[in-house]
C-alpha atoms as a PDB file:
ATOM      1  CA  ALA A   1     -12.428 -23.904  16.621  1.00  0.00           C
ATOM      2  CA  ALA A   2     -10.375 -26.248  19.117  1.00  0.00           C
ATOM      3  CA  GLN A   3      -8.019 -27.682  16.502  1.00  0.00           C
ATOM      4  CA  VAL A   4      -7.384 -24.062  14.853  1.00  0.00           C
ATOM      5  CA  TRP A   5      -6.548 -23.026  18.745  1.00  0.00           C
ATOM      6  CA  ALA A   6      -4.550 -26.187  19.427  1.00  0.00           C
ATOM      7  CA  ALA A   7      -2.641 -25.402  15.956  1.00  0.00           C
ATOM      8  CA  MET A   8      -1.747 -21.885  16.941  1.00  0.00           C
ATOM      9  CA  LYS A   9      -0.371 -23.026  20.380  1.00  0.00           C
ATOM     10  CA  LEU A  10       1.998 -25.545  18.486  1.00  0.00           C
ATOM     11  CA  ALA A  11       3.429 -22.763  15.987  1.00  0.00           C
ATOM     12  CA  HIS A  12       7.008 -21.941  16.128  1.00  0.00           C
ATOM     13  CA  TRP A  13       7.246 -18.346  17.613  1.00  0.00           C
ATOM     14  CA  PRO A  14      10.926 -17.744  16.151  1.00  0.00           C
ATOM     15  CA  TRP A  15       8.960 -17.931  12.964  1.00  0.00           C
ATOM     16  CA  LEU A  16       6.174 -15.856  14.180  1.00  0.00           C
ATOM     17  CA  ALA A  17       9.010 -13.482  15.763  1.00  0.00           C
ATOM     18  CA  LEU A  18      10.333 -13.247  12.101  1.00  0.00           C
ATOM     19  CA  GLY A  19       6.914 -12.737  10.218  1.00  0.00           C
ATOM     20  CA  GLY A  20       6.792  -9.368  13.207  1.00  0.00           C
ATOM     21  CA  GLY A  21      10.163  -8.600  11.726  1.00  0.00           C
ATOM     22  CA  VAL A  22       9.170  -8.361   8.166  1.00  0.00           C
ATOM     23  CA  MET A  23       5.981  -6.314   9.190  1.00  0.00           C
ATOM     24  CA  VAL A  24       8.623  -3.932  10.845  1.00  0.00           C
ATOM     25  CA  ALA A  25      11.091  -4.072   8.029  1.00  0.00           C
ATOM     26  CA  TYR A  26       8.099  -3.033   5.801  1.00  0.00           C
ATOM     27  CA  THR A  27       7.207   0.248   7.581  1.00  0.00           C
ATOM     28  CA  ALA A  28      11.122   1.182   7.812  1.00  0.00           C
ATOM     29  CA  THR A  29      10.824   0.220   3.870  1.00  0.00           C
ATOM     30  CA  GLU A  30       8.086   2.930   3.139  1.00  0.00           C
ATOM     31  CA  ALA A  31      10.061   5.201   5.487  1.00  0.00           C
ATOM     32  CA  LEU A  32      12.962   5.128   3.475  1.00  0.00           C
ATOM     33  CA  VAL A  33      10.845   5.574   0.570  1.00  0.00           C
ATOM     34  CA  ILE A  34       9.595   9.184   1.883  1.00  0.00           C
ATOM     35  CA  ARG A  35      13.052  10.104   3.195  1.00  0.00           C
ATOM     36  CA  VAL A  36      14.465   9.352  -0.459  1.00  0.00           C
ATOM     37  CA  SER A  37      11.701  11.356  -2.271  1.00  0.00           C
ATOM     38  CA  LEU A  38      11.527  14.351   0.559  1.00  0.00           C
ATOM     39  CA  GLY A  39      15.267  14.453  -0.083  1.00  0.00           C
ATOM     40  CA  ALA A  40      14.740  14.871  -3.995  1.00  0.00           C
ATOM     41  CA  MET A  41      13.107  18.177  -2.920  1.00  0.00           C
ATOM     42  CA  GLY A  42      15.985  19.104  -0.605  1.00  0.00           C
ATOM     43  CA  HIS A  43      14.783  18.025   2.360  1.00  0.00           C
ATOM     44  CA  ARG A  44      16.490  16.299   5.301  1.00  0.00           C
ATOM     45  CA  PRO A  45      14.124  14.989   7.466  1.00  0.00           C
ATOM     46  CA  ARG A  46      15.165  12.941  10.032  1.00  0.00           C
ATOM     47  CA  TYR A  47      14.461   8.954   9.497  1.00  0.00           C
ATOM     48  CA  ARG A  48      12.890   8.994  12.701  1.00  0.00           C
ATOM     49  CA  HIS A  49      10.350  11.261  11.211  1.00  0.00           C
ATOM     50  CA  CYS A  50       9.773   9.338   8.248  1.00  0.00           C
ATOM     51  CA  CYS A  51       8.959   6.430  10.204  1.00  0.00           C
ATOM     52  CA  GLU A  52       6.327   8.166  11.876  1.00  0.00           C
ATOM     53  CA  PHE A  53       5.117   9.604   8.952  1.00  0.00           C
ATOM     54  CA  ALA A  54       4.705   5.744   7.576  1.00  0.00           C
ATOM     55  CA  CYS A  55       3.148   4.808  10.696  1.00  0.00           C
ATOM     56  CA  ALA A  56       0.451   6.788  10.072  1.00  0.00           C
ATOM     57  CA  GLY A  57      -0.256   6.207   7.040  1.00  0.00           C
ATOM     58  CA  PHE A  58      -0.445   2.445   8.047  1.00  0.00           C
ATOM     59  CA  TYR A  59      -2.709   3.519  10.012  1.00  0.00           C
ATOM     60  CA  PHE A  60      -4.971   5.531   8.963  1.00  0.00           C
ATOM     61  CA  SER A  61      -4.870   3.330   5.243  1.00  0.00           C
ATOM     62  CA  SER A  62      -6.134   0.439   7.329  1.00  0.00           C
ATOM     63  CA  VAL A  63      -9.465   2.423   8.818  1.00  0.00           C
ATOM     64  CA  THR A  64     -10.322   4.311   5.870  1.00  0.00           C
ATOM     65  CA  PRO A  65     -12.438   2.684   2.729  1.00  0.00           C
ATOM     66  CA  SER A  66      -9.683   1.922  -0.296  1.00  0.00           C
ATOM     67  CA  ALA A  67      -6.793   2.953   2.363  1.00  0.00           C
ATOM     68  CA  THR A  68      -8.207   6.333   1.270  1.00  0.00           C
ATOM     69  CA  GLY A  69      -6.658   8.179   4.872  1.00  0.00           C
ATOM     70  CA  GLY A  70      -3.323   6.920   4.591  1.00  0.00           C
ATOM     71  CA  GLN A  71      -1.932   9.780   2.574  1.00  0.00           C
ATOM     72  CA  PRO A  72      -3.383  12.570   3.405  1.00  0.00           C
ATOM     73  CA  ALA A  73      -2.805  12.158   7.434  1.00  0.00           C
ATOM     74  CA  GLU A  74       1.227  11.552   6.242  1.00  0.00           C
ATOM     75  CA  VAL A  75       0.958  14.826   4.577  1.00  0.00           C
ATOM     76  CA  PHE A  76      -0.520  15.931   7.642  1.00  0.00           C
ATOM     77  CA  TYR A  77       1.905  15.120  10.090  1.00  0.00           C
ATOM     78  CA  MET A  78       4.528  15.932   7.441  1.00  0.00           C
ATOM     79  CA  THR A  79       3.414  19.403   8.397  1.00  0.00           C
ATOM     80  CA  ARG A  80       3.892  19.389  11.345  1.00  0.00           C
ATOM     81  CA  ARG A  81       7.675  18.400  10.860  1.00  0.00           C
ATOM     82  CA  GLY A  82       7.797  21.909   8.981  1.00  0.00           C
ATOM     83  CA  ILE A  83       7.367  19.847   5.517  1.00  0.00           C
ATOM     84  CA  SER A  84       5.366  21.937   3.249  1.00  0.00           C
ATOM     85  CA  ALA A  85       2.287  20.130   1.954  1.00  0.00           C
ATOM     86  CA  ALA A  86       3.254  20.566  -1.691  1.00  0.00           C
ATOM     87  CA  HIS A  87       6.373  18.763  -1.295  1.00  0.00           C
ATOM     88  CA  GLY A  88       4.513  16.004   1.307  1.00  0.00           C
ATOM     89  CA  ALA A  89       2.224  15.888  -1.705  1.00  0.00           C
ATOM     90  CA  LEU A  90       4.709  14.663  -4.097  1.00  0.00           C
ATOM     91  CA  ALA A  91       5.797  12.815  -2.071  1.00  0.00           C
ATOM     92  CA  MET A  92       2.982  10.428  -1.437  1.00  0.00           C
ATOM     93  CA  LEU A  93       2.618  11.065  -4.920  1.00  0.00           C
ATOM     94  CA  LEU A  94       5.507   9.310  -5.897  1.00  0.00           C
ATOM     95  CA  PHE A  95       5.040   6.595  -3.603  1.00  0.00           C
ATOM     96  CA  THR A  96       1.826   5.455  -4.770  1.00  0.00           C
ATOM     97  CA  ILE A  97       2.768   4.945  -8.167  1.00  0.00           C
ATOM     98  CA  PHE A  98       6.049   3.097  -7.588  1.00  0.00           C
ATOM     99  CA  HIS A  99       3.985   1.278  -4.864  1.00  0.00           C
ATOM    100  CA  GLN A 100       1.493   0.074  -7.513  1.00  0.00           C
ATOM    101  CA  VAL A 101       3.965  -0.299  -9.837  1.00  0.00           C
ATOM    102  CA  ALA A 102       5.929  -2.988  -8.061  1.00  0.00           C
ATOM    103  CA  SER A 103       2.300  -4.498  -6.934  1.00  0.00           C
ATOM    104  CA  VAL A 104       1.384  -4.887 -10.764  1.00  0.00           C
ATOM    105  CA  ILE A 105       4.816  -6.335 -11.219  1.00  0.00           C
ATOM    106  CA  TYR A 106       4.489  -8.817  -8.542  1.00  0.00           C
ATOM    107  CA  GLY A 107       1.045  -9.648  -9.827  1.00  0.00           C
ATOM    108  CA  LEU A 108       2.061 -10.093 -13.317  1.00  0.00           C
ATOM    109  CA  ALA A 109       4.873 -12.464 -12.201  1.00  0.00           C
ATOM    110  CA  ALA A 110       3.103 -14.365 -10.047  1.00  0.00           C
ATOM    111  CA  TRP A 111       0.748 -14.956 -12.908  1.00  0.00           C
ATOM    112  CA  VAL A 112       3.306 -16.000 -14.931  1.00  0.00           C
ATOM    113  CA  MET A 113       5.474 -17.792 -12.609  1.00  0.00           C
ATOM    114  CA  ALA A 114       2.775 -19.931 -10.461  1.00  0.00           C
ATOM    115  CA  PRO A 115       0.009 -20.273 -13.131  1.00  0.00           C
ATOM    116  CA  GLN A 116      -1.942 -22.938 -10.938  1.00  0.00           C
ATOM    117  CA  VAL A 117      -2.618 -20.264  -7.859  1.00  0.00           C
ATOM    118  CA  PRO A 118      -5.080 -18.180 -10.226  1.00  0.00           C
ATOM    119  CA  ALA A 119      -6.711 -21.505 -11.314  1.00  0.00           C
ATOM    120  CA  SER A 120      -7.537 -22.328  -7.969  1.00  0.00           C
ATOM    121  CA  LEU A 121      -9.292 -19.135  -6.783  1.00  0.00           C
ATOM    122  CA  GLY A 122     -12.607 -20.360  -8.059  1.00  0.00           C
ATOM    123  CA  THR A 123     -14.950 -18.022 -10.047  1.00  0.00           C
ATOM    124  CA  GLY A 124     -15.912 -15.358  -7.070  1.00  0.00           C
ATOM    125  CA  LEU A 125     -11.738 -14.891  -6.067  1.00  0.00           C
ATOM    126  CA  GLY A 126     -11.257 -14.841 -10.210  1.00  0.00           C
ATOM    127  CA  VAL A 127     -13.558 -12.232 -11.032  1.00  0.00           C
ATOM    128  CA  LEU A 128     -12.173 -10.161  -8.074  1.00  0.00           C
ATOM    129  CA  LEU A 129      -8.610 -10.893  -9.393  1.00  0.00           C
ATOM    130  CA  GLY A 130      -9.554  -9.737 -12.406  1.00  0.00           C
ATOM    131  CA  TYR A 131     -11.264  -6.756 -11.428  1.00  0.00           C
ATOM    132  CA  GLY A 132      -8.477  -5.608  -8.914  1.00  0.00           C
ATOM    133  CA  LEU A 133      -5.719  -6.257 -11.541  1.00  0.00           C
ATOM    134  CA  THR A 134      -7.569  -4.219 -14.416  1.00  0.00           C
ATOM    135  CA  THR A 135      -8.480  -1.513 -11.830  1.00  0.00           C
ATOM    136  CA  LEU A 136      -4.547  -1.373 -10.519  1.00  0.00           C
ATOM    137  CA  LEU A 137      -3.294  -1.329 -14.020  1.00  0.00           C
ATOM    138  CA  LEU A 138      -5.735   1.462 -15.606  1.00  0.00           C
ATOM    139  CA  LEU A 139      -4.390   3.470 -12.732  1.00  0.00           C
ATOM    140  CA  THR A 140      -0.863   2.995 -12.889  1.00  0.00           C
ATOM    141  CA  VAL A 141      -0.989   3.197 -16.227  1.00  0.00           C
ATOM    142  CA  GLY A 142      -3.046   6.564 -15.839  1.00  0.00           C
ATOM    143  CA  MET A 143      -0.569   7.575 -13.232  1.00  0.00           C
ATOM    144  CA  VAL A 144       2.584   7.350 -15.465  1.00  0.00           C
ATOM    145  CA  ALA A 145       1.353   8.700 -18.403  1.00  0.00           C
ATOM    146  CA  LEU A 146       0.306  12.192 -16.355  1.00  0.00           C
ATOM    147  CA  LEU A 147       3.754  11.965 -15.565  1.00  0.00           C
ATOM    148  CA  ILE A 148       5.246  11.467 -19.298  1.00  0.00           C
ATOM    149  CA  TYR A 149       2.257  13.340 -20.987  1.00  0.00           C
ATOM    150  CA  PRO A 150       0.669  15.638 -18.746  1.00  0.00           C
ATOM    151  CA  LYS A 151      -0.560  18.310 -21.561  1.00  0.00           C
ATOM    152  CA  PRO A 152      -2.527  15.268 -23.535  1.00  0.00           C
ATOM    153  CA  VAL A 153      -4.115  13.546 -20.282  1.00  0.00           C
ATOM    154  CA  GLU A 154      -5.124  16.797 -18.925  1.00  0.00           C
ATOM    155  CA  HIS A 155      -7.034  17.417 -22.433  1.00  0.00           C
ATOM    156  CA  LEU A 156      -8.809  14.189 -21.863  1.00  0.00           C
ATOM    157  CA  CYS A 157      -9.761  14.593 -18.387  1.00  0.00           C
ATOM    158  CA  ARG A 158     -11.213  17.526 -19.059  1.00  0.00           C
ATOM    159  CA  GLY A 159     -13.039  15.783 -21.958  1.00  0.00           C
ATOM    160  CA  CYS A 160     -14.522  13.503 -19.570  1.00  0.00           C
ATOM    161  CA  LEU A 161     -15.451  15.942 -17.193  1.00  0.00           C
ATOM    162  CA  ARG A 162     -17.607  17.919 -19.671  1.00  0.00           C
ATOM    163  CA  LEU A 163     -18.948  14.919 -20.851  1.00  0.00           C
ATOM    164  CA  GLY A 164     -19.694  13.678 -17.062  1.00  0.00           C
ATOM    165  CA  ALA A 165     -21.367  16.762 -16.394  1.00  0.00           C
ATOM    166  CA  LYS A 166     -23.443  16.634 -19.637  1.00  0.00           C
ATOM    167  CA  LEU A 167     -24.867  13.249 -18.755  1.00  0.00           C
ATOM    168  CA  HIS A 168     -25.217  14.541 -14.714  1.00  0.00           C
ATOM    169  CA  LEU A 169     -22.505  12.259 -13.467  1.00  0.00           C
ATOM    170  CA  VAL A 170     -20.305  15.514 -12.198  1.00  0.00           C
ATOM    171  CA  LYS A 171     -22.264  17.978 -10.334  1.00  0.00           C
ATOM    172  CA  ASP A 172     -19.953  20.930 -10.484  1.00  0.00           C
ATOM    173  CA  LEU A 173     -17.651  20.833 -13.172  1.00  0.00           C
ATOM    174  CA  ASP A 174     -16.411  24.184 -11.992  1.00  0.00           C
ATOM    175  CA  ARG A 175     -15.015  22.786  -9.067  1.00  0.00           C
ATOM    176  CA  ALA A 176     -14.443  19.399 -10.951  1.00  0.00           C
ATOM    177  CA  GLN A 177     -12.062  21.314 -12.993  1.00  0.00           C
ATOM    178  CA  ALA A 178     -10.229  23.196 -10.587  1.00  0.00           C
ATOM    179  CA  GLY A 179      -9.387  19.968  -8.555  1.00  0.00           C
ATOM    180  CA  LEU A 180      -8.220  18.674 -11.867  1.00  0.00           C
ATOM    181  CA  LYS A 181      -6.240  21.745 -12.242  1.00  0.00           C
ATOM    182  CA  GLY A 182      -4.613  21.312  -8.848  1.00  0.00           C
ATOM    183  CA  GLN A 183      -3.360  17.495  -9.524  1.00  0.00           C
ATOM    184  CA  MET A 184      -1.964  18.487 -12.780  1.00  0.00           C
ATOM    185  CA  GLU A 185      -0.015  20.827 -11.170  1.00  0.00           C
ATOM    186  CA  GLU A 186       1.269  18.320  -8.828  1.00  0.00           C
ATOM    187  CA  TYR A 187       1.786  15.963 -11.261  1.00  0.00           C
ATOM    188  CA  ALA A 188       3.806  18.329 -13.613  1.00  0.00           C
ATOM    189  CA  ARG A 189       6.341  18.992 -10.555  1.00  0.00           C
ATOM    190  CA  GLY A 190       6.742  15.431 -10.210  1.00  0.00           C
ATOM    191  CA  ALA A 191       7.822  15.248 -13.448  1.00  0.00           C
ATOM    192  CA  GLU A 192      10.343  17.788 -13.224  1.00  0.00           C
ATOM    193  CA  LEU A 193      11.469  16.394 -10.065  1.00  0.00           C
ATOM    194  CA  ILE A 194      11.828  12.881 -12.359  1.00  0.00           C
ATOM    195  CA  LYS A 195      13.654  14.485 -15.191  1.00  0.00           C
ATOM    196  CA  GLY A 196      16.336  16.385 -13.310  1.00  0.00           C
ATOM    197  CA  GLN A 197      16.930  13.506 -11.815  1.00  0.00           C
ATOM    198  CA  PRO A 198      17.037  10.189 -13.654  1.00  0.00           C
ATOM    199  CA  LEU A 199      18.074   7.639 -10.965  1.00  0.00           C
ATOM    200  CA  LEU A 200      15.271   8.509  -8.753  1.00  0.00           C
ATOM    201  CA  PRO A 201      12.481   6.430 -10.217  1.00  0.00           C
ATOM    202  CA  VAL A 202      14.953   3.657 -10.348  1.00  0.00           C
ATOM    203  CA  LYS A 203      15.723   4.217  -6.437  1.00  0.00           C
ATOM    204  CA  LEU A 204      11.845   3.878  -5.753  1.00  0.00           C
ATOM    205  CA  LEU A 205      10.701   1.054  -7.732  1.00  0.00           C
ATOM    206  CA  VAL A 206      13.614  -0.681  -6.274  1.00  0.00           C
ATOM    207  CA  LEU A 207      12.697  -0.011  -2.952  1.00  0.00           C
ATOM    208  CA  ALA A 208       8.822  -0.137  -3.488  1.00  0.00           C
ATOM    209  CA  LEU A 209       9.385  -3.968  -4.679  1.00  0.00           C
ATOM    210  CA  VAL A 210      11.511  -4.404  -1.442  1.00  0.00           C
ATOM    211  CA  GLN A 211       8.698  -3.229   0.159  1.00  0.00           C
ATOM    212  CA  GLN A 212       5.725  -4.847  -1.173  1.00  0.00           C
ATOM    213  CA  GLY A 213       8.075  -8.374  -1.145  1.00  0.00           C
ATOM    214  CA  LEU A 214       8.371  -8.139   2.378  1.00  0.00           C
ATOM    215  CA  ARG A 215       4.401  -8.061   3.061  1.00  0.00           C
ATOM    216  CA  PHE A 216       4.265 -10.864   1.240  1.00  0.00           C
ATOM    217  CA  LEU A 217       6.828 -13.199   2.760  1.00  0.00           C
ATOM    218  CA  VAL A 218       4.216 -13.078   5.818  1.00  0.00           C
ATOM    219  CA  PRO A 219       2.368 -16.646   4.806  1.00  0.00           C
ATOM    220  CA  TRP A 220       5.162 -17.974   4.488  1.00  0.00           C
ATOM    221  CA  ALA A 221       7.160 -17.334   7.861  1.00  0.00           C
ATOM    222  CA  VAL A 222       3.126 -18.576   9.058  1.00  0.00           C
ATOM    223  CA  TYR A 223       3.752 -21.591   6.908  1.00  0.00           C
ATOM    224  CA  ARG A 224       7.280 -22.463   8.197  1.00  0.00           C
ATOM    225  CA  ALA A 225       5.697 -21.607  12.337  1.00  0.00           C
ATOM    226  CA  LEU A 226       3.187 -24.544  11.590  1.00  0.00           C
ATOM    227  CA  GLY A 227       5.900 -27.153  10.418  1.00  0.00           C
ATOM    228  CA  LEU A 228       5.436 -27.045   7.146  1.00  0.00           C
ATOM    229  CA  GLY A 229       8.366 -26.942   5.048  1.00  0.00           C
ATOM    230  CA  ALA A 230       7.736 -28.805   1.172  1.00  0.00           C
ATOM    231  CA  LEU A 231       7.103 -25.362  -0.157  1.00  0.00           C
ATOM    232  CA  GLY A 232       9.760 -22.136  -0.844  1.00  0.00           C
ATOM    233  CA  PRO A 233       8.791 -18.767  -0.368  1.00  0.00           C
ATOM    234  CA  ASP A 234       8.230 -18.125  -3.976  1.00  0.00           C
ATOM    235  CA  GLN A 235       4.872 -19.834  -4.355  1.00  0.00           C
ATOM    236  CA  LEU A 236       3.839 -18.468  -1.066  1.00  0.00           C
ATOM    237  CA  VAL A 237       4.457 -14.958  -1.877  1.00  0.00           C
ATOM    238  CA  ALA A 238       2.735 -15.640  -5.430  1.00  0.00           C
ATOM    239  CA  THR A 239      -0.263 -16.163  -3.706  1.00  0.00           C
ATOM    240  CA  GLN A 240      -0.490 -13.745  -0.913  1.00  0.00           C
ATOM    241  CA  ALA A 241       0.747 -10.955  -3.862  1.00  0.00           C
ATOM    242  CA  LEU A 242      -2.464 -12.722  -6.134  1.00  0.00           C
ATOM    243  CA  VAL A 243      -4.894 -12.520  -2.876  1.00  0.00           C
ATOM    244  CA  TYR A 244      -3.533  -8.656  -2.684  1.00  0.00           C
ATOM    245  CA  LEU A 245      -4.365  -7.828  -5.822  1.00  0.00           C
ATOM    246  CA  ALA A 246      -8.036  -9.589  -5.542  1.00  0.00           C
ATOM    247  CA  VAL A 247      -9.184  -7.935  -2.496  1.00  0.00           C
ATOM    248  CA  GLY A 248      -6.830  -4.834  -2.446  1.00  0.00           C
ATOM    249  CA  CYS A 249      -9.005  -2.228  -4.324  1.00  0.00           C
ATOM    250  CA  LEU A 250     -11.879  -3.363  -2.694  1.00  0.00           C
ATOM    251  CA  PRO A 251     -13.695   0.016  -1.039  1.00  0.00           C
ATOM    252  CA  ILE A 252     -13.348  -1.805   2.384  1.00  0.00           C
ATOM    253  CA  PRO A 253     -11.020  -0.166   5.579  1.00  0.00           C
ATOM    254  CA  GLY A 254      -8.102  -2.933   5.526  1.00  0.00           C
ATOM    255  CA  ALA A 255      -9.955  -5.010   3.093  1.00  0.00           C
ATOM    256  CA  VAL A 256     -11.212  -6.737   6.324  1.00  0.00           C
ATOM    257  CA  GLY A 257     -13.595  -9.845   5.837  1.00  0.00           C
ATOM    258  CA  ALA A 258     -12.560  -9.851   2.193  1.00  0.00           C
ATOM    259  CA  SER A 259      -9.292 -10.665   2.975  1.00  0.00           C
ATOM    260  CA  GLU A 260      -9.849 -13.295   5.316  1.00  0.00           C
ATOM    261  CA  ALA A 261     -11.872 -14.848   2.676  1.00  0.00           C
ATOM    262  CA  ALA A 262      -9.611 -14.472  -0.001  1.00  0.00           C
ATOM    263  CA  PHE A 263      -6.791 -16.207   2.533  1.00  0.00           C
ATOM    264  CA  LEU A 264      -9.273 -19.209   3.215  1.00  0.00           C
ATOM    265  CA  THR A 265      -9.599 -20.246  -0.770  1.00  0.00           C
ATOM    266  CA  ALA A 266      -6.317 -19.211  -2.092  1.00  0.00           C
ATOM    267  CA  PHE A 267      -4.168 -21.084   0.389  1.00  0.00           C
ATOM    268  CA  GLN A 268      -5.854 -24.338   1.050  1.00  0.00           C
ATOM    269  CA  SER A 269      -3.316 -26.131  -1.457  1.00  0.00           C
ATOM    270  CA  GLN A 270      -0.539 -24.816   0.636  1.00  0.00           C
ATOM    271  CA  PHE A 271      -1.595 -25.187   4.010  1.00  0.00           C
ATOM    272  CA  GLY A 272      -4.208 -27.847   3.477  1.00  0.00           C
ATOM    273  CA  PRO A 273      -7.589 -27.768   4.771  1.00  0.00           C
ATOM    274  CA  ALA A 274      -6.962 -28.562   8.741  1.00  0.00           C
ATOM    275  CA  LEU A 275      -4.035 -25.301   9.097  1.00  0.00           C
ATOM    276  CA  THR A 276      -5.619 -22.954   6.449  1.00  0.00           C
ATOM    277  CA  PRO A 277      -7.882 -21.072   9.362  1.00  0.00           C
ATOM    278  CA  ALA A 278      -5.544 -21.155  11.550  1.00  0.00           C
ATOM    279  CA  ALA A 279      -2.672 -19.670   9.208  1.00  0.00           C
ATOM    280  CA  MET A 280      -5.581 -17.626   8.042  1.00  0.00           C
ATOM    281  CA  LEU A 281      -5.250 -15.932  12.005  1.00  0.00           C
ATOM    282  CA  LEU A 282      -1.882 -15.652  12.477  1.00  0.00           C
ATOM    283  CA  THR A 283      -1.201 -13.971   8.720  1.00  0.00           C
ATOM    284  CA  ARG A 284      -3.703 -11.377   9.048  1.00  0.00           C
ATOM    285  CA  GLY A 285      -2.521 -10.662  13.311  1.00  0.00           C
ATOM    286  CA  LEU A 286       0.637 -10.517  12.194  1.00  0.00           C
ATOM    287  CA  SER A 287       0.331  -8.651   8.479  1.00  0.00           C
ATOM    288  CA  PHE A 288      -2.851  -5.985   9.416  1.00  0.00           C
ATOM    289  CA  TYR A 289      -4.008  -6.510  13.125  1.00  0.00           C
ATOM    290  CA  LEU A 290      -0.797  -6.024  15.214  1.00  0.00           C
ATOM    291  CA  PRO A 291       0.850  -3.512  13.353  1.00  0.00           C
ATOM    292  CA  LEU A 292      -2.566  -1.395  12.591  1.00  0.00           C
ATOM    293  CA  LEU A 293      -2.181  -1.491  17.048  1.00  0.00           C
ATOM    294  CA  VAL A 294       1.371  -0.240  16.912  1.00  0.00           C
ATOM    295  CA  THR A 295       1.022   2.188  14.455  1.00  0.00           C
ATOM    296  CA  GLY A 296      -2.336   3.422  16.253  1.00  0.00           C
ATOM    297  CA  ALA A 297      -0.237   3.628  19.281  1.00  0.00           C
ATOM    298  CA  VAL A 298       2.582   5.830  17.235  1.00  0.00           C
ATOM    299  CA  THR A 299       0.380   7.601  15.550  1.00  0.00           C
ATOM    300  CA  ALA A 300      -1.263   9.211  18.662  1.00  0.00           C
ATOM    301  CA  VAL A 301       2.103   9.433  20.571  1.00  0.00           C
ATOM    302  CA  VAL A 302       3.383  11.796  17.613  1.00  0.00           C
ATOM    303  CA  HIS A 303      -0.128  13.510  17.291  1.00  0.00           C
ATOM    304  CA  MET A 304       0.025  14.672  20.823  1.00  0.00           C
ATOM    305  CA  SER A 305       3.779  15.151  20.743  1.00  0.00           C
ATOM    306  CA  THR A 306       3.559  17.342  17.946  1.00  0.00           C
ATOM    307  CA  ARG A 307       0.512  19.615  18.846  1.00  0.00           C
ATOM    308  CA  GLU A 308       2.530  21.551  20.378  1.00  0.00           C
ATOM    309  CA  GLN A 309       4.997  22.066  17.549  1.00  0.00           C
ATOM    310  CA  LYS A 310       2.293  23.102  15.684  1.00  0.00           C
ATOM    311  CA  ILE A 311       1.022  25.973  17.509  1.00  0.00           C
ATOM    312  CA  SER A 312       4.569  27.424  18.206  1.00  0.00           C
ATOM    313  CA  CYS A 313       4.984  27.312  14.501  1.00  0.00           C
ATOM    314  CA  SER A 314       1.538  28.899  13.549  1.00  0.00           C
ATOM    315  CA  LYS A 315       2.229  31.708  16.249  1.00  0.00           C
ATOM    316  CA  THR A 316       5.762  32.371  14.587  1.00  0.00           C
ATOM    317  CA  SER A 317       4.536  32.057  11.127  1.00  0.00           C
END
């Protein structure tokens, strides 16, 4: 513990400030994704409001299992700013699709460009990496297929629900089918939006790649802050991308515990045994715990400041 604290005290603050700035840019880029998506539907939200939505998404994603609470929270605060829930949900659908595509691209690129990293993860983390990559690939392929071939996928999903009901895995078939119908209508709106604006998916994919790349840069900023410089950012980014894939699909709020353990294993070769614990604390502090506090505070202020607006709107509607 004393060695870890000593290493953290010797860290160069300008590089740590860069790591914090990278996370600010990460949230700002998500706000830009939201603004572009809503703009494609005819909305002209203020960029400041989109930053509020992004902060709410980060906070609630971090405190709910598998980040399930982030997007509903963003839609909720969009409605408080006068954006319909249907358009908000569609914006979040587009964000999810391209966020996952970007994660898969980074993961596959890291596997190809830095094959020594997966080999150094060990059996346990390697299994998690395979599980995470497989899960993300299936989800991404499924979402893209729903946009391109909605009817065949809908028939397949209905068949799976009926089979699940026969096997007593689906308790309420009617409710499940109604939920599926609502999801399919949402995907249909997304497909029509993309067909009408062919440049939209290109913009969203580029922004998603930039956003994910920013978050994956934090370990490199910490690497430089600890006085290390033998490696370029590519290997640090590749390692962080694989760690994200390994723990991102686990049903743990913020992947707390799993992320720290994965970092200690994956980054041993980059930081060395003596500096890896300090690097882990600094990286997780900059990329998760500090943003969690900041976005939580922002969300609390937004929640209180928009409450009266919500009441007044409901009275006049």
